[in-house]
Amino acid sequence: MDASAFDSPGVGDARDDLEQAMLHLPPGARRDLGRLITRIDEEFERRTLPEPNYNEWAATRWWWTRMRER
């Protein structure tokens, strides 16, 4: 089997972790991190293209629907 067939942790996994962390932060820290995440998301969206064959489960987590360099 080709090694490229295996997914490794990447942007989607890290972004999921940030989303989870946001749920456990106090309001002030949540706002601060949220502003930083917004800027990161905007840059990530600018540098990537929509994935034409994304899984429907990723619809609520748009960062999984972007094509990344493989």
C-alpha atoms as a PDB file:
ATOM      1  CA  MET A   1       0.000   0.000   0.000  1.00  0.00           C
ATOM      2  CA  ASP A   2       1.208   3.506  -0.820  1.00  0.00           C
ATOM      3  CA  ALA A   3       2.234   5.559   2.234  1.00  0.00           C
ATOM      4  CA  SER A   4       0.270   8.531   0.888  1.00  0.00           C
ATOM      5  CA  ALA A   5      -2.945   6.580   1.514  1.00  0.00           C
ATOM      6  CA  PHE A   6      -2.584   7.190   5.252  1.00  0.00           C
ATOM      7  CA  ASP A   7      -3.751  10.462   6.764  1.00  0.00           C
ATOM      8  CA  SER A   8      -1.439  12.066   9.249  1.00  0.00           C
ATOM      9  CA  PRO A   9      -2.463  14.659  11.813  1.00  0.00           C
ATOM     10  CA  GLY A  10      -2.587  18.032  10.177  1.00  0.00           C
ATOM     11  CA  VAL A  11      -4.449  21.303   9.898  1.00  0.00           C
ATOM     12  CA  GLY A  12      -7.890  19.774  10.333  1.00  0.00           C
ATOM     13  CA  ASP A  13      -6.901  17.925  13.477  1.00  0.00           C
ATOM     14  CA  ALA A  14      -5.234  21.008  14.961  1.00  0.00           C
ATOM     15  CA  ARG A  15      -8.230  23.182  14.097  1.00  0.00           C
ATOM     16  CA  ASP A  16     -10.541  20.650  15.747  1.00  0.00           C
ATOM     17  CA  ASP A  17      -8.374  20.861  18.888  1.00  0.00           C
ATOM     18  CA  LEU A  18      -8.660  24.655  18.924  1.00  0.00           C
ATOM     19  CA  GLU A  19     -12.434  24.408  18.547  1.00  0.00           C
ATOM     20  CA  GLN A  20     -12.542  22.006  21.502  1.00  0.00           C
ATOM     21  CA  ALA A  21     -10.294  24.249  23.620  1.00  0.00           C
ATOM     22  CA  MET A  22     -12.613  27.200  22.984  1.00  0.00           C
ATOM     23  CA  LEU A  23     -15.402  25.321  24.768  1.00  0.00           C
ATOM     24  CA  HIS A  24     -13.405  25.201  28.010  1.00  0.00           C
ATOM     25  CA  LEU A  25     -11.978  28.717  28.199  1.00  0.00           C
ATOM     26  CA  PRO A  26     -13.337  31.576  30.288  1.00  0.00           C
ATOM     27  CA  PRO A  27     -15.103  34.291  28.250  1.00  0.00           C
ATOM     28  CA  GLY A  28     -12.163  36.719  27.973  1.00  0.00           C
ATOM     29  CA  ALA A  29      -9.686  34.072  26.869  1.00  0.00           C
ATOM     30  CA  ARG A  30     -12.302  32.632  24.492  1.00  0.00           C
ATOM     31  CA  ARG A  31     -12.710  36.034  22.818  1.00  0.00           C
ATOM     32  CA  ASP A  32      -8.946  36.526  22.534  1.00  0.00           C
ATOM     33  CA  LEU A  33      -8.367  33.070  21.069  1.00  0.00           C
ATOM     34  CA  GLY A  34     -11.405  33.486  18.842  1.00  0.00           C
ATOM     35  CA  ARG A  35      -9.950  36.663  17.304  1.00  0.00           C
ATOM     36  CA  LEU A  36      -6.661  34.873  16.621  1.00  0.00           C
ATOM     37  CA  ILE A  37      -8.436  31.841  15.146  1.00  0.00           C
ATOM     38  CA  THR A  38     -10.486  34.126  12.883  1.00  0.00           C
ATOM     39  CA  ARG A  39      -7.303  35.610  11.410  1.00  0.00           C
ATOM     40  CA  ILE A  40      -5.742  32.157  10.984  1.00  0.00           C
ATOM     41  CA  ASP A  41      -8.934  30.819   9.357  1.00  0.00           C
ATOM     42  CA  GLU A  42      -9.040  33.725   6.913  1.00  0.00           C
ATOM     43  CA  GLU A  43      -5.426  33.115   5.879  1.00  0.00           C
ATOM     44  CA  PHE A  44      -5.959  29.346   5.593  1.00  0.00           C
ATOM     45  CA  GLU A  45      -9.040  29.871   3.437  1.00  0.00           C
ATOM     46  CA  ARG A  46      -7.141  32.342   1.254  1.00  0.00           C
ATOM     47  CA  ARG A  47      -4.289  29.874   0.690  1.00  0.00           C
ATOM     48  CA  THR A  48      -6.382  26.781  -0.040  1.00  0.00           C
ATOM     49  CA  LEU A  49      -9.043  25.655  -2.494  1.00  0.00           C
ATOM     50  CA  PRO A  50     -12.364  23.899  -1.865  1.00  0.00           C
ATOM     51  CA  GLU A  51     -12.081  20.117  -1.884  1.00  0.00           C
ATOM     52  CA  PRO A  52     -14.438  18.892  -4.622  1.00  0.00           C
ATOM     53  CA  ASN A  53     -15.043  15.502  -2.968  1.00  0.00           C
ATOM     54  CA  TYR A  54     -15.282  16.392   0.716  1.00  0.00           C
ATOM     55  CA  ASN A  55     -17.167  14.132   3.089  1.00  0.00           C
ATOM     56  CA  GLU A  56     -20.554  15.384   4.200  1.00  0.00           C
ATOM     57  CA  TRP A  57     -19.566  14.946   7.870  1.00  0.00           C
ATOM     58  CA  ALA A  58     -17.094  17.805   7.387  1.00  0.00           C
ATOM     59  CA  ALA A  59     -19.776  20.308   6.352  1.00  0.00           C
ATOM     60  CA  THR A  60     -19.886  21.917   9.807  1.00  0.00           C
ATOM     61  CA  ARG A  61     -16.096  21.928  10.036  1.00  0.00           C
ATOM     62  CA  TRP A  62     -15.233  23.825   6.840  1.00  0.00           C
ATOM     63  CA  TRP A  63     -11.476  23.500   7.412  1.00  0.00           C
ATOM     64  CA  TRP A  64     -11.775  19.805   6.495  1.00  0.00           C
ATOM     65  CA  THR A  65     -13.307  20.763   3.137  1.00  0.00           C
ATOM     66  CA  ARG A  66     -10.192  22.516   1.859  1.00  0.00           C
ATOM     67  CA  MET A  67      -7.543  20.986  -0.411  1.00  0.00           C
ATOM     68  CA  ARG A  68      -4.095  20.852   1.134  1.00  0.00           C
ATOM     69  CA  GLU A  69      -0.740  20.027  -0.364  1.00  0.00           C
ATOM     70  CA  ARG A  70      -0.160  16.276  -0.287  1.00  0.00           C
END
